[in-house]
Amino acid sequence: MMKPEICPYCGERRLEELQPTEIMVDDMLWTIYHYECQFCTEVFDKIITEGELQYDIMADGEDYDINEDDGEKKFRN
């Protein structure tokens, strides 16, 4: 998961990650990450579903190649 780099409200980079929340929605785990901007004090969320965290497990390696130089996945046609 990539942490946000800037506040979507003011553009500052001083973000504090707060305690995440986990909930089950339709038998899928959702993790809600909370961030607070230390400049404008706005709080915003980033939601990651269980499927987004486990996409590598579901891939069997036959449909894409991994470039060893940069770790980029390239899908075969």
N, C-alpha and C. Protein backbone atom coordinates (compact mmCIF):
# COMPACT_ATOMS: atom_id res chain seq x y z
N MET A 1 0.84 -1.17 0.00
CA MET A 1 0.00 0.00 0.00
C MET A 1 0.89 1.24 0.00
N MET A 2 0.51 2.19 -0.83
CA MET A 2 1.27 3.43 -0.89
C MET A 2 0.62 4.50 -0.03
N LYS A 3 1.41 5.08 0.86
CA LYS A 3 0.93 6.16 1.70
C LYS A 3 0.79 7.42 0.86
N PRO A 4 -0.29 8.19 1.05
CA PRO A 4 -0.43 9.45 0.31
C PRO A 4 0.77 10.37 0.59
N GLU A 5 1.21 11.08 -0.43
CA GLU A 5 2.35 11.98 -0.26
C GLU A 5 1.95 13.38 0.14
N ILE A 6 0.76 13.82 -0.32
CA ILE A 6 0.33 15.19 -0.03
C ILE A 6 -1.12 15.19 0.45
N CYS A 7 -1.47 16.23 1.16
CA CYS A 7 -2.84 16.42 1.63
C CYS A 7 -3.71 16.83 0.43
N PRO A 8 -4.85 16.15 0.22
CA PRO A 8 -5.71 16.52 -0.90
C PRO A 8 -6.41 17.87 -0.71
N TYR A 9 -6.36 18.43 0.50
CA TYR A 9 -7.02 19.70 0.77
C TYR A 9 -6.10 20.90 0.59
N CYS A 10 -4.85 20.80 1.06
CA CYS A 10 -3.96 21.97 1.01
C CYS A 10 -2.66 21.71 0.25
N GLY A 11 -2.33 20.45 -0.03
CA GLY A 11 -1.12 20.15 -0.79
C GLY A 11 0.15 20.01 0.05
N GLU A 12 0.03 20.16 1.35
CA GLU A 12 1.21 20.01 2.22
C GLU A 12 1.60 18.55 2.35
N ARG A 13 2.84 18.29 2.74
CA ARG A 13 3.37 16.93 2.85
C ARG A 13 3.47 16.42 4.29
N ARG A 14 3.02 17.20 5.24
CA ARG A 14 3.12 16.80 6.65
C ARG A 14 1.89 16.00 7.07
N LEU A 15 1.92 14.69 6.80
CA LEU A 15 0.79 13.82 7.11
C LEU A 15 1.12 12.88 8.25
N GLU A 16 0.16 12.68 9.12
CA GLU A 16 0.30 11.72 10.21
C GLU A 16 -0.69 10.59 9.97
N GLU A 17 -0.19 9.35 9.99
CA GLU A 17 -1.07 8.20 9.81
C GLU A 17 -1.69 7.85 11.16
N LEU A 18 -3.02 7.78 11.19
CA LEU A 18 -3.75 7.44 12.41
C LEU A 18 -4.05 5.94 12.42
N GLN A 19 -4.63 5.46 13.50
CA GLN A 19 -4.95 4.04 13.64
C GLN A 19 -5.94 3.61 12.56
N PRO A 20 -5.63 2.58 11.75
CA PRO A 20 -6.56 2.13 10.71
C PRO A 20 -7.76 1.39 11.30
N THR A 21 -8.82 1.30 10.49
CA THR A 21 -10.05 0.60 10.86
C THR A 21 -10.25 -0.54 9.88
N GLU A 22 -10.67 -1.71 10.37
CA GLU A 22 -10.97 -2.84 9.49
C GLU A 22 -12.43 -3.20 9.66
N ILE A 23 -13.12 -3.41 8.52
CA ILE A 23 -14.52 -3.82 8.55
C ILE A 23 -14.74 -4.90 7.49
N MET A 24 -15.77 -5.71 7.69
CA MET A 24 -16.15 -6.72 6.71
C MET A 24 -17.36 -6.19 5.94
N VAL A 25 -17.26 -6.19 4.60
CA VAL A 25 -18.35 -5.77 3.73
C VAL A 25 -18.53 -6.87 2.70
N ASP A 26 -19.70 -7.50 2.69
CA ASP A 26 -20.00 -8.59 1.74
C ASP A 26 -18.90 -9.64 1.73
N ASP A 27 -18.50 -10.11 2.90
CA ASP A 27 -17.47 -11.14 3.07
C ASP A 27 -16.10 -10.72 2.52
N MET A 28 -15.84 -9.42 2.44
CA MET A 28 -14.54 -8.92 2.00
C MET A 28 -14.02 -7.95 3.07
N LEU A 29 -12.76 -8.11 3.43
CA LEU A 29 -12.15 -7.24 4.43
C LEU A 29 -11.76 -5.91 3.80
N TRP A 30 -12.21 -4.82 4.39
CA TRP A 30 -11.84 -3.48 3.96
C TRP A 30 -10.99 -2.88 5.07
N THR A 31 -9.84 -2.34 4.72
CA THR A 31 -8.99 -1.63 5.68
C THR A 31 -9.05 -0.16 5.32
N ILE A 32 -9.43 0.66 6.28
CA ILE A 32 -9.55 2.10 6.07
C ILE A 32 -8.40 2.77 6.81
N TYR A 33 -7.50 3.38 6.04
CA TYR A 33 -6.36 4.08 6.62
C TYR A 33 -6.75 5.55 6.76
N HIS A 34 -6.50 6.11 7.93
CA HIS A 34 -6.85 7.49 8.24
C HIS A 34 -5.58 8.32 8.31
N TYR A 35 -5.61 9.50 7.70
CA TYR A 35 -4.47 10.41 7.71
C TYR A 35 -4.93 11.79 8.14
N GLU A 36 -4.08 12.48 8.92
CA GLU A 36 -4.37 13.84 9.34
C GLU A 36 -3.24 14.74 8.88
N CYS A 37 -3.61 15.83 8.22
CA CYS A 37 -2.62 16.82 7.78
C CYS A 37 -2.22 17.66 8.99
N GLN A 38 -0.94 17.76 9.23
CA GLN A 38 -0.45 18.53 10.37
C GLN A 38 -0.44 20.03 10.09
N PHE A 39 -0.73 20.43 8.84
CA PHE A 39 -0.77 21.85 8.48
C PHE A 39 -2.20 22.40 8.57
N CYS A 40 -3.15 21.77 7.85
CA CYS A 40 -4.52 22.29 7.84
C CYS A 40 -5.47 21.53 8.76
N THR A 41 -5.01 20.45 9.38
CA THR A 41 -5.73 19.59 10.34
C THR A 41 -6.90 18.82 9.72
N GLU A 42 -7.01 18.79 8.39
CA GLU A 42 -8.05 17.98 7.75
C GLU A 42 -7.69 16.50 7.88
N VAL A 43 -8.71 15.66 8.02
CA VAL A 43 -8.53 14.20 8.11
C VAL A 43 -9.15 13.59 6.86
N PHE A 44 -8.44 12.66 6.23
CA PHE A 44 -8.97 11.97 5.06
C PHE A 44 -8.61 10.51 5.14
N ASP A 45 -9.26 9.69 4.30
CA ASP A 45 -9.12 8.24 4.37
C ASP A 45 -8.64 7.67 3.03
N LYS A 46 -8.02 6.50 3.13
CA LYS A 46 -7.69 5.70 1.96
C LYS A 46 -8.19 4.29 2.26
N ILE A 47 -9.02 3.74 1.36
CA ILE A 47 -9.65 2.44 1.60
C ILE A 47 -8.99 1.40 0.70
N ILE A 48 -8.57 0.30 1.30
CA ILE A 48 -7.98 -0.82 0.57
C ILE A 48 -8.84 -2.05 0.85
N THR A 49 -9.28 -2.72 -0.22
CA THR A 49 -10.06 -3.94 -0.03
C THR A 49 -9.14 -5.14 -0.03
N GLU A 50 -9.61 -6.23 0.51
CA GLU A 50 -8.84 -7.46 0.63
C GLU A 50 -8.29 -7.90 -0.73
N GLY A 51 -9.07 -7.78 -1.79
CA GLY A 51 -8.64 -8.18 -3.12
C GLY A 51 -7.48 -7.36 -3.64
N GLU A 52 -7.41 -6.06 -3.30
CA GLU A 52 -6.32 -5.22 -3.76
C GLU A 52 -5.01 -5.60 -3.10
N LEU A 53 -5.06 -6.08 -1.86
CA LEU A 53 -3.84 -6.45 -1.16
C LEU A 53 -3.29 -7.79 -1.62
N GLN A 54 -4.14 -8.65 -2.20
CA GLN A 54 -3.73 -10.00 -2.51
C GLN A 54 -3.69 -10.29 -4.01
N TYR A 55 -3.52 -9.27 -4.86
CA TYR A 55 -3.56 -9.52 -6.29
C TYR A 55 -2.41 -10.41 -6.74
N ASP A 56 -1.26 -10.37 -6.09
CA ASP A 56 -0.13 -11.22 -6.47
C ASP A 56 -0.40 -12.68 -6.17
N ILE A 57 -1.15 -12.98 -5.12
CA ILE A 57 -1.45 -14.36 -4.76
C ILE A 57 -2.35 -15.00 -5.80
N MET A 58 -3.29 -14.23 -6.34
CA MET A 58 -4.23 -14.76 -7.31
C MET A 58 -3.59 -14.97 -8.68
N ALA A 59 -2.55 -14.22 -9.01
CA ALA A 59 -1.90 -14.37 -10.31
C ALA A 59 -1.03 -15.62 -10.28
N ASP A 60 -1.10 -16.42 -11.35
CA ASP A 60 -0.34 -17.66 -11.38
C ASP A 60 0.98 -17.52 -12.12
N GLY A 61 1.29 -16.33 -12.63
CA GLY A 61 2.57 -16.12 -13.28
C GLY A 61 2.56 -16.43 -14.77
N GLU A 62 1.47 -16.96 -15.29
CA GLU A 62 1.43 -17.30 -16.70
C GLU A 62 0.94 -16.16 -17.57
N ASP A 63 0.26 -15.19 -17.01
CA ASP A 63 -0.33 -14.12 -17.80
C ASP A 63 0.52 -12.86 -17.85
N TYR A 64 1.62 -12.81 -17.09
CA TYR A 64 2.45 -11.63 -17.13
C TYR A 64 3.90 -11.99 -16.86
N ASP A 65 4.80 -11.10 -17.28
CA ASP A 65 6.23 -11.23 -17.02
C ASP A 65 6.64 -10.12 -16.07
N ILE A 66 7.63 -10.38 -15.23
CA ILE A 66 8.15 -9.36 -14.34
C ILE A 66 9.51 -8.94 -14.83
N ASN A 67 9.68 -7.65 -15.06
CA ASN A 67 10.96 -7.10 -15.45
C ASN A 67 11.82 -7.03 -14.20
N GLU A 68 12.89 -7.78 -14.15
CA GLU A 68 13.73 -7.87 -12.95
C GLU A 68 14.40 -6.54 -12.60
N ASP A 69 14.60 -5.67 -13.59
CA ASP A 69 15.27 -4.39 -13.33
C ASP A 69 14.44 -3.46 -12.46
N ASP A 70 13.13 -3.37 -12.75
CA ASP A 70 12.31 -2.42 -12.00
C ASP A 70 11.10 -3.07 -11.32
N GLY A 71 10.95 -4.38 -11.42
CA GLY A 71 9.86 -5.08 -10.76
C GLY A 71 8.52 -4.85 -11.41
N GLU A 72 8.49 -4.22 -12.60
CA GLU A 72 7.24 -3.92 -13.28
C GLU A 72 6.66 -5.18 -13.91
N LYS A 73 5.34 -5.34 -13.76
CA LYS A 73 4.65 -6.46 -14.36
C LYS A 73 4.18 -6.06 -15.75
N LYS A 74 4.42 -6.88 -16.73
CA LYS A 74 3.96 -6.62 -18.08
C LYS A 74 3.11 -7.78 -18.53
N PHE A 75 1.87 -7.51 -18.90
CA PHE A 75 0.95 -8.55 -19.31
C PHE A 75 1.22 -8.97 -20.73
N ARG A 76 1.15 -10.27 -20.96
CA ARG A 76 1.34 -10.80 -22.30
C ARG A 76 0.08 -10.66 -23.10
N ASN A 77 0.20 -10.50 -24.40
CA ASN A 77 -0.97 -10.40 -25.29
C ASN A 77 -1.30 -11.74 -25.86
